[in-house]
């Protein structure tokens, strides 16, 4: 079965369940951490929570992908899954750039334990954006190794942005809940 066909045989129910898990599980853990920290947002490490949660979700989707022969990771990443941009040994069913982004997601677990300003990691998005823009508007074509490396730098940047989304979504939920309690 071709890789492109793998993401097409994912049912609507599977897509809905994936969406619900990906959109709700990290926020549940952030709210739990907020409650466990005696309602102090300063003690909530959203980067660590979201990184670990996403890593568990990605690992679970990879296992399900192997069992059911469906491209759950391709659907999660929005990957085009072009054969020419995929490594020959790739078991993920993802292009080189998306494989790099997943590696970056897992690296974010280690990075989240460091005492640094996570906003600096947003700089990691620049190489991927430049590579894509230059390819789009010139005759330059990137190679799979460069796509992998730019993806690895982009992964933590995307995870930081995602963590901020979940953190401020949690704060909004708590703010709205205070009107009803």
N, C-alpha and C. Protein backbone atom coordinates (compact mmCIF):
# COMPACT_ATOMS: atom_id res chain seq x y z
N UNK A 1 0.84 -1.17 0.00
CA UNK A 1 0.00 0.00 0.00
C UNK A 1 0.89 1.25 0.00
N UNK A 2 0.63 2.21 -0.84
CA UNK A 2 1.40 3.43 -0.93
C UNK A 2 1.14 4.29 0.29
N UNK A 3 2.15 5.13 0.62
CA UNK A 3 2.02 5.98 1.80
C UNK A 3 0.85 6.94 1.69
N UNK A 4 0.60 7.46 0.50
CA UNK A 4 -0.50 8.41 0.34
C UNK A 4 -1.85 7.75 0.65
N UNK A 5 -1.96 6.48 0.29
CA UNK A 5 -3.20 5.77 0.54
C UNK A 5 -3.42 5.51 2.03
N UNK A 6 -2.35 5.45 2.81
CA UNK A 6 -2.47 5.14 4.23
C UNK A 6 -3.28 6.20 4.98
N UNK A 7 -3.05 7.48 4.67
CA UNK A 7 -3.79 8.52 5.40
C UNK A 7 -5.22 8.65 4.88
N UNK A 8 -5.47 8.14 3.69
CA UNK A 8 -6.82 8.25 3.14
C UNK A 8 -7.76 7.20 3.72
N UNK A 9 -7.23 6.13 4.30
CA UNK A 9 -8.12 5.09 4.84
C UNK A 9 -8.40 5.27 6.33
N UNK A 10 -8.10 6.44 6.87
CA UNK A 10 -8.43 6.76 8.26
C UNK A 10 -9.87 7.26 8.29
N UNK A 11 -10.68 6.62 9.13
CA UNK A 11 -12.11 6.95 9.15
C UNK A 11 -12.37 8.30 9.82
N UNK A 12 -13.55 8.81 9.59
CA UNK A 12 -13.96 10.08 10.21
C UNK A 12 -13.96 9.94 11.74
N UNK A 13 -14.43 8.81 12.25
CA UNK A 13 -14.44 8.60 13.70
C UNK A 13 -13.02 8.64 14.27
N UNK A 14 -12.08 8.00 13.58
CA UNK A 14 -10.69 8.03 14.03
C UNK A 14 -10.14 9.46 14.02
N UNK A 15 -10.48 10.22 13.01
CA UNK A 15 -10.03 11.61 12.92
C UNK A 15 -10.62 12.45 14.06
N UNK A 16 -11.88 12.23 14.38
CA UNK A 16 -12.52 12.97 15.47
C UNK A 16 -11.89 12.60 16.81
N UNK A 17 -11.65 11.32 17.04
CA UNK A 17 -11.02 10.89 18.30
C UNK A 17 -9.62 11.48 18.42
N UNK A 18 -8.84 11.45 17.32
CA UNK A 18 -7.50 12.05 17.34
C UNK A 18 -7.57 13.53 17.69
N UNK A 19 -8.50 14.24 17.05
CA UNK A 19 -8.65 15.67 17.31
C UNK A 19 -9.00 15.94 18.77
N UNK A 20 -9.94 15.17 19.30
CA UNK A 20 -10.35 15.38 20.69
C UNK A 20 -9.21 15.11 21.67
N UNK A 21 -8.44 14.06 21.42
CA UNK A 21 -7.32 13.74 22.30
C UNK A 21 -6.25 14.81 22.21
N UNK A 22 -5.86 15.18 21.00
CA UNK A 22 -4.78 16.15 20.82
C UNK A 22 -5.17 17.52 21.34
N UNK A 23 -6.42 17.89 21.20
CA UNK A 23 -6.84 19.23 21.64
C UNK A 23 -7.18 19.31 23.12
N UNK A 24 -7.52 18.21 23.76
CA UNK A 24 -7.99 18.28 25.14
C UNK A 24 -7.04 17.71 26.19
N UNK A 25 -6.30 16.68 25.87
CA UNK A 25 -5.46 16.04 26.89
C UNK A 25 -4.40 17.00 27.45
N UNK A 26 -3.67 17.76 26.61
CA UNK A 26 -2.68 18.68 27.21
C UNK A 26 -3.31 19.72 28.13
N UNK A 27 -4.46 20.26 27.77
CA UNK A 27 -5.10 21.28 28.61
C UNK A 27 -5.56 20.67 29.93
N UNK A 28 -5.99 19.42 29.91
CA UNK A 28 -6.40 18.74 31.15
C UNK A 28 -5.21 18.63 32.10
N UNK A 29 -4.05 18.27 31.57
CA UNK A 29 -2.86 18.13 32.42
C UNK A 29 -2.36 19.49 32.91
N UNK A 30 -2.50 20.53 32.10
CA UNK A 30 -2.11 21.87 32.56
C UNK A 30 -3.03 22.33 33.69
N UNK A 31 -4.33 22.11 33.53
CA UNK A 31 -5.27 22.50 34.59
C UNK A 31 -5.02 21.67 35.86
N UNK A 32 -4.69 20.41 35.69
CA UNK A 32 -4.38 19.55 36.85
C UNK A 32 -3.15 20.09 37.57
N UNK A 33 -2.11 20.49 36.81
CA UNK A 33 -0.91 21.04 37.43
C UNK A 33 -1.22 22.34 38.15
N UNK A 34 -2.10 23.15 37.61
CA UNK A 34 -2.52 24.39 38.24
C UNK A 34 -3.18 24.12 39.58
N UNK A 35 -4.06 23.12 39.61
CA UNK A 35 -4.74 22.76 40.85
C UNK A 35 -3.75 22.18 41.86
N UNK A 36 -2.86 21.31 41.40
CA UNK A 36 -1.89 20.66 42.28
C UNK A 36 -0.88 21.67 42.85
N UNK A 37 -0.68 22.80 42.17
CA UNK A 37 0.27 23.81 42.65
C UNK A 37 -0.43 24.86 43.52
N UNK A 38 -1.56 24.49 44.09
CA UNK A 38 -2.35 25.39 44.93
C UNK A 38 -2.74 26.66 44.18
N UNK A 39 -3.18 26.46 42.95
CA UNK A 39 -3.72 27.53 42.11
C UNK A 39 -2.71 28.65 41.85
N UNK A 40 -1.49 28.23 41.53
CA UNK A 40 -0.42 29.18 41.21
C UNK A 40 0.08 28.89 39.79
N UNK A 41 -0.14 29.83 38.88
CA UNK A 41 0.30 29.65 37.49
C UNK A 41 1.83 29.68 37.38
N UNK A 42 2.50 30.34 38.32
CA UNK A 42 3.96 30.45 38.27
C UNK A 42 4.64 29.09 38.41
N UNK A 43 3.98 28.16 39.05
CA UNK A 43 4.57 26.84 39.27
C UNK A 43 4.22 25.84 38.17
N UNK A 44 3.43 26.25 37.20
CA UNK A 44 3.02 25.35 36.10
C UNK A 44 4.05 25.46 34.98
N UNK A 45 4.73 24.35 34.68
CA UNK A 45 5.68 24.31 33.58
C UNK A 45 4.97 23.75 32.35
N UNK A 46 4.33 24.63 31.60
CA UNK A 46 3.55 24.20 30.44
C UNK A 46 4.42 23.53 29.40
N UNK A 47 5.68 23.95 29.26
CA UNK A 47 6.57 23.37 28.26
C UNK A 47 6.82 21.89 28.56
N UNK A 48 7.05 21.59 29.83
CA UNK A 48 7.30 20.21 30.23
C UNK A 48 6.02 19.38 30.06
N UNK A 49 4.91 19.91 30.51
CA UNK A 49 3.64 19.18 30.45
C UNK A 49 3.25 18.88 29.00
N UNK A 50 3.28 19.89 28.15
CA UNK A 50 2.86 19.70 26.76
C UNK A 50 3.85 18.80 26.02
N UNK A 51 5.15 18.96 26.27
CA UNK A 51 6.15 18.12 25.60
C UNK A 51 5.96 16.64 25.95
N UNK A 52 5.79 16.37 27.22
CA UNK A 52 5.62 14.97 27.64
C UNK A 52 4.29 14.42 27.12
N UNK A 53 3.23 15.22 27.20
CA UNK A 53 1.92 14.77 26.72
C UNK A 53 1.96 14.47 25.23
N UNK A 54 2.52 15.38 24.45
CA UNK A 54 2.61 15.16 23.01
C UNK A 54 3.48 13.94 22.68
N UNK A 55 4.56 13.75 23.43
CA UNK A 55 5.42 12.60 23.18
C UNK A 55 4.68 11.29 23.43
N UNK A 56 3.87 11.26 24.46
CA UNK A 56 3.06 10.07 24.73
C UNK A 56 2.03 9.86 23.62
N UNK A 57 1.39 10.93 23.19
CA UNK A 57 0.40 10.84 22.11
C UNK A 57 1.07 10.36 20.82
N UNK A 58 2.22 10.93 20.49
CA UNK A 58 2.93 10.55 19.26
C UNK A 58 3.37 9.10 19.31
N UNK A 59 3.89 8.67 20.45
CA UNK A 59 4.31 7.28 20.60
C UNK A 59 3.13 6.33 20.44
N UNK A 60 2.01 6.70 21.05
CA UNK A 60 0.79 5.89 20.93
C UNK A 60 0.32 5.82 19.48
N UNK A 61 0.33 6.96 18.79
CA UNK A 61 -0.09 6.97 17.38
C UNK A 61 0.86 6.14 16.52
N UNK A 62 2.15 6.16 16.83
CA UNK A 62 3.11 5.34 16.07
C UNK A 62 2.82 3.86 16.26
N UNK A 63 2.54 3.46 17.50
CA UNK A 63 2.21 2.05 17.76
C UNK A 63 0.92 1.66 17.04
N UNK A 64 -0.10 2.52 17.11
CA UNK A 64 -1.36 2.25 16.40
C UNK A 64 -1.14 2.21 14.89
N UNK A 65 -0.25 3.06 14.40
CA UNK A 65 0.07 3.07 12.97
C UNK A 65 0.68 1.74 12.54
N UNK A 66 1.56 1.19 13.36
CA UNK A 66 2.15 -0.11 13.05
C UNK A 66 1.12 -1.23 13.10
N UNK A 67 0.22 -1.16 14.07
CA UNK A 67 -0.78 -2.22 14.23
C UNK A 67 -1.82 -2.18 13.11
N UNK A 68 -2.35 -0.99 12.81
CA UNK A 68 -3.46 -0.88 11.86
C UNK A 68 -3.06 -0.48 10.44
N UNK A 69 -1.76 -0.22 10.23
CA UNK A 69 -1.24 0.13 8.91
C UNK A 69 -1.96 1.37 8.34
N UNK A 70 -2.12 2.37 9.20
CA UNK A 70 -2.73 3.65 8.80
C UNK A 70 -1.78 4.76 9.21
N UNK A 71 -1.70 5.82 8.44
CA UNK A 71 -0.74 6.89 8.67
C UNK A 71 -1.27 7.94 9.65
N UNK A 72 -1.38 7.55 10.91
CA UNK A 72 -1.86 8.47 11.93
C UNK A 72 -0.89 9.64 12.12
N UNK A 73 0.42 9.35 12.08
CA UNK A 73 1.40 10.41 12.24
C UNK A 73 1.36 11.38 11.06
N UNK A 74 1.15 10.86 9.87
CA UNK A 74 1.02 11.73 8.70
C UNK A 74 -0.16 12.67 8.83
N UNK A 75 -1.25 12.17 9.36
CA UNK A 75 -2.43 13.00 9.58
C UNK A 75 -2.16 14.04 10.67
N UNK A 76 -1.54 13.63 11.76
CA UNK A 76 -1.21 14.55 12.84
C UNK A 76 -0.32 15.69 12.35
N UNK A 77 0.69 15.35 11.57
CA UNK A 77 1.67 16.35 11.13
C UNK A 77 1.21 17.13 9.90
N UNK A 78 0.18 16.66 9.23
CA UNK A 78 -0.24 17.31 7.99
C UNK A 78 0.80 17.08 6.90
N UNK A 79 1.44 15.94 6.92
CA UNK A 79 2.55 15.63 6.03
C UNK A 79 2.05 15.26 4.63
N UNK A 80 2.76 15.76 3.62
CA UNK A 80 2.41 15.42 2.23
C UNK A 80 2.84 14.01 1.87
N UNK A 81 3.80 13.45 2.59
CA UNK A 81 4.28 12.07 2.45
C UNK A 81 4.78 11.76 1.05
N UNK A 82 5.44 12.72 0.41
CA UNK A 82 6.02 12.48 -0.92
C UNK A 82 7.19 11.51 -0.79
N UNK A 83 7.18 10.49 -1.62
CA UNK A 83 8.20 9.45 -1.57
C UNK A 83 9.60 10.02 -1.77
N UNK A 84 9.74 11.01 -2.65
CA UNK A 84 11.06 11.58 -2.95
C UNK A 84 11.62 12.38 -1.78
N UNK A 85 10.79 12.77 -0.86
CA UNK A 85 11.24 13.56 0.29
C UNK A 85 11.23 12.75 1.58
N UNK A 86 11.17 11.45 1.45
CA UNK A 86 11.16 10.54 2.60
C UNK A 86 12.43 9.72 2.58
N UNK A 87 13.01 9.48 3.75
CA UNK A 87 14.19 8.64 3.84
C UNK A 87 13.80 7.19 3.54
N UNK A 88 14.70 6.46 2.93
CA UNK A 88 14.42 5.07 2.54
C UNK A 88 14.15 4.19 3.76
N UNK A 89 14.76 4.49 4.89
CA UNK A 89 14.62 3.69 6.11
C UNK A 89 13.51 4.20 7.02
N UNK A 90 12.74 5.16 6.56
CA UNK A 90 11.73 5.81 7.40
C UNK A 90 10.55 4.89 7.66
N UNK A 91 10.34 4.55 8.94
CA UNK A 91 9.21 3.72 9.33
C UNK A 91 8.02 4.55 9.81
N UNK A 92 8.24 5.86 9.89
CA UNK A 92 7.18 6.73 10.36
C UNK A 92 6.17 7.04 9.25
N UNK A 93 6.59 6.92 8.00
CA UNK A 93 5.73 7.29 6.89
C UNK A 93 5.65 8.79 6.70
N UNK A 94 6.69 9.51 7.14
CA UNK A 94 6.70 10.96 7.07
C UNK A 94 7.86 11.43 6.19
N UNK A 95 7.72 12.64 5.66
CA UNK A 95 8.81 13.24 4.90
C UNK A 95 9.94 13.59 5.87
N UNK A 96 11.09 13.96 5.32
CA UNK A 96 12.26 14.26 6.14
C UNK A 96 11.99 15.42 7.10
N UNK A 97 11.32 16.45 6.61
CA UNK A 97 11.06 17.63 7.46
C UNK A 97 10.15 17.26 8.63
N UNK A 98 9.07 16.54 8.37
CA UNK A 98 8.16 16.14 9.46
C UNK A 98 8.84 15.18 10.44
N UNK A 99 9.73 14.32 9.93
CA UNK A 99 10.50 13.45 10.82
C UNK A 99 11.37 14.28 11.74
N UNK A 100 11.99 15.33 11.18
CA UNK A 100 12.81 16.23 11.99
C UNK A 100 11.99 16.96 13.04
N UNK A 101 10.80 17.39 12.66
CA UNK A 101 9.93 18.08 13.61
C UNK A 101 9.58 17.15 14.78
N UNK A 102 9.30 15.88 14.47
CA UNK A 102 9.02 14.92 15.56
C UNK A 102 10.22 14.73 16.46
N UNK A 103 11.41 14.66 15.88
CA UNK A 103 12.63 14.57 16.70
C UNK A 103 12.73 15.80 17.60
N UNK A 104 12.44 16.97 17.04
CA UNK A 104 12.45 18.21 17.82
C UNK A 104 11.44 18.19 18.95
N UNK A 105 10.28 17.59 18.70
CA UNK A 105 9.27 17.46 19.77
C UNK A 105 9.85 16.66 20.94
N UNK A 106 10.51 15.54 20.63
CA UNK A 106 11.07 14.70 21.68
C UNK A 106 12.25 15.39 22.37
N UNK A 107 13.04 16.18 21.63
CA UNK A 107 14.13 16.95 22.24
C UNK A 107 13.59 17.98 23.22
N UNK A 108 12.40 18.46 22.96
CA UNK A 108 11.79 19.48 23.82
C UNK A 108 11.58 18.96 25.23
N UNK A 109 11.43 17.66 25.40
CA UNK A 109 11.31 17.11 26.75
C UNK A 109 12.57 17.43 27.54
N UNK A 110 13.74 17.19 26.94
CA UNK A 110 15.01 17.48 27.61
C UNK A 110 15.19 18.98 27.81
N UNK A 111 14.86 19.76 26.78
CA UNK A 111 15.02 21.21 26.85
C UNK A 111 14.13 21.81 27.94
N UNK A 112 12.96 21.23 28.14
CA UNK A 112 12.00 21.80 29.11
C UNK A 112 12.51 21.73 30.54
N UNK A 113 13.52 20.90 30.81
CA UNK A 113 14.08 20.81 32.15
C UNK A 113 15.15 21.88 32.39
N UNK A 114 15.58 22.57 31.33
CA UNK A 114 16.59 23.62 31.46
C UNK A 114 15.96 24.91 31.96
N UNK A 115 16.72 25.68 32.67
CA UNK A 115 16.25 26.97 33.19
C UNK A 115 16.62 28.07 32.18
N UNK A 116 15.95 28.08 31.03
CA UNK A 116 16.19 29.10 30.01
C UNK A 116 14.85 29.72 29.62
N UNK A 117 14.94 30.87 29.00
CA UNK A 117 13.73 31.50 28.48
C UNK A 117 13.33 30.76 27.21
N UNK A 118 12.21 30.08 27.25
CA UNK A 118 11.79 29.25 26.13
C UNK A 118 11.47 30.06 24.87
N UNK A 119 11.26 31.34 25.02
CA UNK A 119 10.98 32.18 23.86
C UNK A 119 12.16 32.19 22.88
N UNK A 120 13.38 31.97 23.39
CA UNK A 120 14.55 31.91 22.50
C UNK A 120 14.43 30.77 21.50
N UNK A 121 13.71 29.74 21.85
CA UNK A 121 13.56 28.59 20.96
C UNK A 121 12.75 28.93 19.71
N UNK A 122 11.98 30.01 19.77
CA UNK A 122 11.21 30.42 18.60
C UNK A 122 12.11 30.78 17.42
N UNK A 123 13.36 31.12 17.71
CA UNK A 123 14.34 31.41 16.65
C UNK A 123 14.55 30.17 15.77
N UNK A 124 14.32 28.99 16.33
CA UNK A 124 14.48 27.75 15.58
C UNK A 124 13.53 27.61 14.40
N UNK A 125 12.51 28.44 14.34
CA UNK A 125 11.59 28.39 13.20
C UNK A 125 12.18 29.07 11.97
N UNK A 126 13.13 29.94 12.16
CA UNK A 126 13.67 30.73 11.05
C UNK A 126 14.31 29.86 9.95
N UNK A 127 15.17 28.88 10.28
CA UNK A 127 15.76 28.08 9.19
C UNK A 127 14.73 27.37 8.31
N UNK A 128 13.70 26.80 8.93
CA UNK A 128 12.67 26.12 8.16
C UNK A 128 11.91 27.11 7.27
N UNK A 129 11.56 28.24 7.83
CA UNK A 129 10.83 29.25 7.06
C UNK A 129 11.67 29.75 5.89
N UNK A 130 12.95 30.02 6.13
CA UNK A 130 13.83 30.49 5.05
C UNK A 130 13.98 29.43 3.96
N UNK A 131 14.19 28.18 4.37
CA UNK A 131 14.34 27.10 3.41
C UNK A 131 13.09 26.96 2.54
N UNK A 132 11.94 27.03 3.17
CA UNK A 132 10.69 26.91 2.42
C UNK A 132 10.44 28.09 1.50
N UNK A 133 10.69 29.31 2.00
CA UNK A 133 10.45 30.51 1.19
C UNK A 133 11.41 30.56 0.01
N UNK A 134 12.68 30.25 0.26
CA UNK A 134 13.67 30.27 -0.83
C UNK A 134 13.31 29.24 -1.89
N UNK A 135 12.89 28.04 -1.47
CA UNK A 135 12.47 27.02 -2.44
C UNK A 135 11.26 27.47 -3.26
N UNK A 136 10.37 28.16 -2.59
CA UNK A 136 9.12 28.58 -3.26
C UNK A 136 9.37 29.61 -4.35
N UNK A 137 10.30 30.53 -4.10
CA UNK A 137 10.46 31.66 -5.01
C UNK A 137 11.74 31.63 -5.86
N UNK A 138 12.54 30.56 -5.74
CA UNK A 138 13.74 30.44 -6.58
C UNK A 138 13.81 29.03 -7.15
N UNK A 139 14.88 28.77 -7.88
CA UNK A 139 15.08 27.43 -8.45
C UNK A 139 15.80 26.50 -7.47
N UNK A 140 16.17 27.02 -6.33
CA UNK A 140 16.85 26.23 -5.30
C UNK A 140 15.94 25.11 -4.81
N UNK A 141 16.50 23.93 -4.64
CA UNK A 141 15.78 22.79 -4.07
C UNK A 141 16.57 22.24 -2.90
N UNK A 142 15.93 22.11 -1.78
CA UNK A 142 16.54 21.59 -0.57
C UNK A 142 16.74 20.08 -0.72
N UNK A 143 17.58 19.52 0.15
CA UNK A 143 17.74 18.06 0.15
C UNK A 143 17.16 17.51 1.46
N UNK A 144 17.05 16.21 1.53
CA UNK A 144 16.40 15.59 2.70
C UNK A 144 17.17 15.83 4.00
N UNK A 145 18.50 15.88 3.93
CA UNK A 145 19.27 16.14 5.14
C UNK A 145 18.97 17.55 5.66
N UNK A 146 18.93 18.54 4.78
CA UNK A 146 18.63 19.92 5.18
C UNK A 146 17.21 20.01 5.72
N UNK A 147 16.28 19.30 5.08
CA UNK A 147 14.89 19.29 5.57
C UNK A 147 14.82 18.69 6.97
N UNK A 148 15.56 17.63 7.20
CA UNK A 148 15.59 16.99 8.52
C UNK A 148 16.12 17.96 9.57
N UNK A 149 17.24 18.62 9.28
CA UNK A 149 17.86 19.54 10.24
C UNK A 149 16.94 20.74 10.53
N UNK A 150 16.36 21.34 9.49
CA UNK A 150 15.46 22.47 9.72
C UNK A 150 14.24 22.03 10.52
N UNK A 151 13.79 20.80 10.30
CA UNK A 151 12.67 20.26 11.07
C UNK A 151 13.02 20.08 12.54
N UNK A 152 14.25 19.61 12.82
CA UNK A 152 14.69 19.42 14.20
C UNK A 152 14.71 20.76 14.94
N UNK A 153 15.14 21.83 14.28
CA UNK A 153 15.14 23.15 14.91
C UNK A 153 13.72 23.70 15.05
N UNK A 154 12.86 23.38 14.09
CA UNK A 154 11.49 23.89 14.11
C UNK A 154 10.64 23.20 15.18
N UNK A 155 10.89 21.92 15.47
CA UNK A 155 10.10 21.16 16.43
C UNK A 155 9.97 21.83 17.79
N UNK A 156 11.09 22.20 18.43
CA UNK A 156 10.96 22.90 19.72
C UNK A 156 10.26 24.25 19.61
N UNK A 157 10.48 24.97 18.50
CA UNK A 157 9.80 26.26 18.32
C UNK A 157 8.29 26.06 18.25
N UNK A 158 7.88 25.05 17.51
CA UNK A 158 6.46 24.74 17.41
C UNK A 158 5.90 24.29 18.77
N UNK A 159 6.68 23.54 19.51
CA UNK A 159 6.24 23.08 20.82
C UNK A 159 6.10 24.25 21.80
N UNK A 160 6.99 25.25 21.70
CA UNK A 160 6.87 26.44 22.56
C UNK A 160 5.58 27.17 22.23
N UNK A 161 5.32 27.38 20.94
CA UNK A 161 4.08 28.07 20.54
C UNK A 161 2.86 27.28 20.99
N UNK A 162 2.90 25.96 20.85
CA UNK A 162 1.79 25.11 21.27
C UNK A 162 1.61 25.18 22.79
N UNK A 163 2.72 25.18 23.52
CA UNK A 163 2.65 25.27 24.98
C UNK A 163 2.01 26.57 25.44
N UNK A 164 2.38 27.67 24.79
CA UNK A 164 1.75 28.95 25.13
C UNK A 164 0.25 28.92 24.84
N UNK A 165 -0.11 28.29 23.72
CA UNK A 165 -1.54 28.17 23.40
C UNK A 165 -2.28 27.45 24.51
N UNK A 166 -1.76 26.30 24.95
CA UNK A 166 -2.43 25.54 26.00
C UNK A 166 -2.40 26.26 27.34
N UNK A 167 -1.29 26.92 27.66
CA UNK A 167 -1.19 27.64 28.92
C UNK A 167 -2.24 28.76 28.98
N UNK A 168 -2.33 29.55 27.93
CA UNK A 168 -3.29 30.66 27.96
C UNK A 168 -4.73 30.18 27.78
N UNK A 169 -4.91 29.04 27.14
CA UNK A 169 -6.25 28.44 27.10
C UNK A 169 -6.66 28.01 28.50
N UNK A 170 -5.72 27.43 29.25
CA UNK A 170 -6.00 27.05 30.64
C UNK A 170 -6.33 28.26 31.50
N UNK A 171 -5.57 29.33 31.31
CA UNK A 171 -5.84 30.56 32.07
C UNK A 171 -7.22 31.11 31.73
N UNK A 172 -7.60 31.05 30.46
CA UNK A 172 -8.91 31.52 30.04
C UNK A 172 -10.02 30.67 30.66
N UNK A 173 -9.83 29.35 30.68
CA UNK A 173 -10.82 28.46 31.28
C UNK A 173 -11.00 28.78 32.76
N UNK A 174 -9.89 28.99 33.48
CA UNK A 174 -9.97 29.32 34.90
C UNK A 174 -10.64 30.67 35.10
N UNK A 175 -10.32 31.64 34.26
CA UNK A 175 -10.93 32.97 34.35
C UNK A 175 -12.43 32.89 34.16
N UNK A 176 -12.87 32.14 33.15
CA UNK A 176 -14.32 32.00 32.88
C UNK A 176 -15.00 31.20 33.99
N UNK A 177 -14.32 30.17 34.50
CA UNK A 177 -14.90 29.33 35.55
C UNK A 177 -15.15 30.11 36.83
N UNK A 178 -14.36 31.13 37.09
CA UNK A 178 -14.53 31.92 38.32
C UNK A 178 -15.86 32.67 38.34
N UNK A 179 -16.41 32.90 37.17
CA UNK A 179 -17.74 33.56 37.11
C UNK A 179 -18.87 32.61 37.50
N UNK A 180 -18.62 31.31 37.40
CA UNK A 180 -19.65 30.32 37.66
C UNK A 180 -19.52 29.65 39.01
N UNK A 181 -18.46 29.94 39.73
CA UNK A 181 -18.23 29.28 41.02
C UNK A 181 -18.49 30.24 42.14
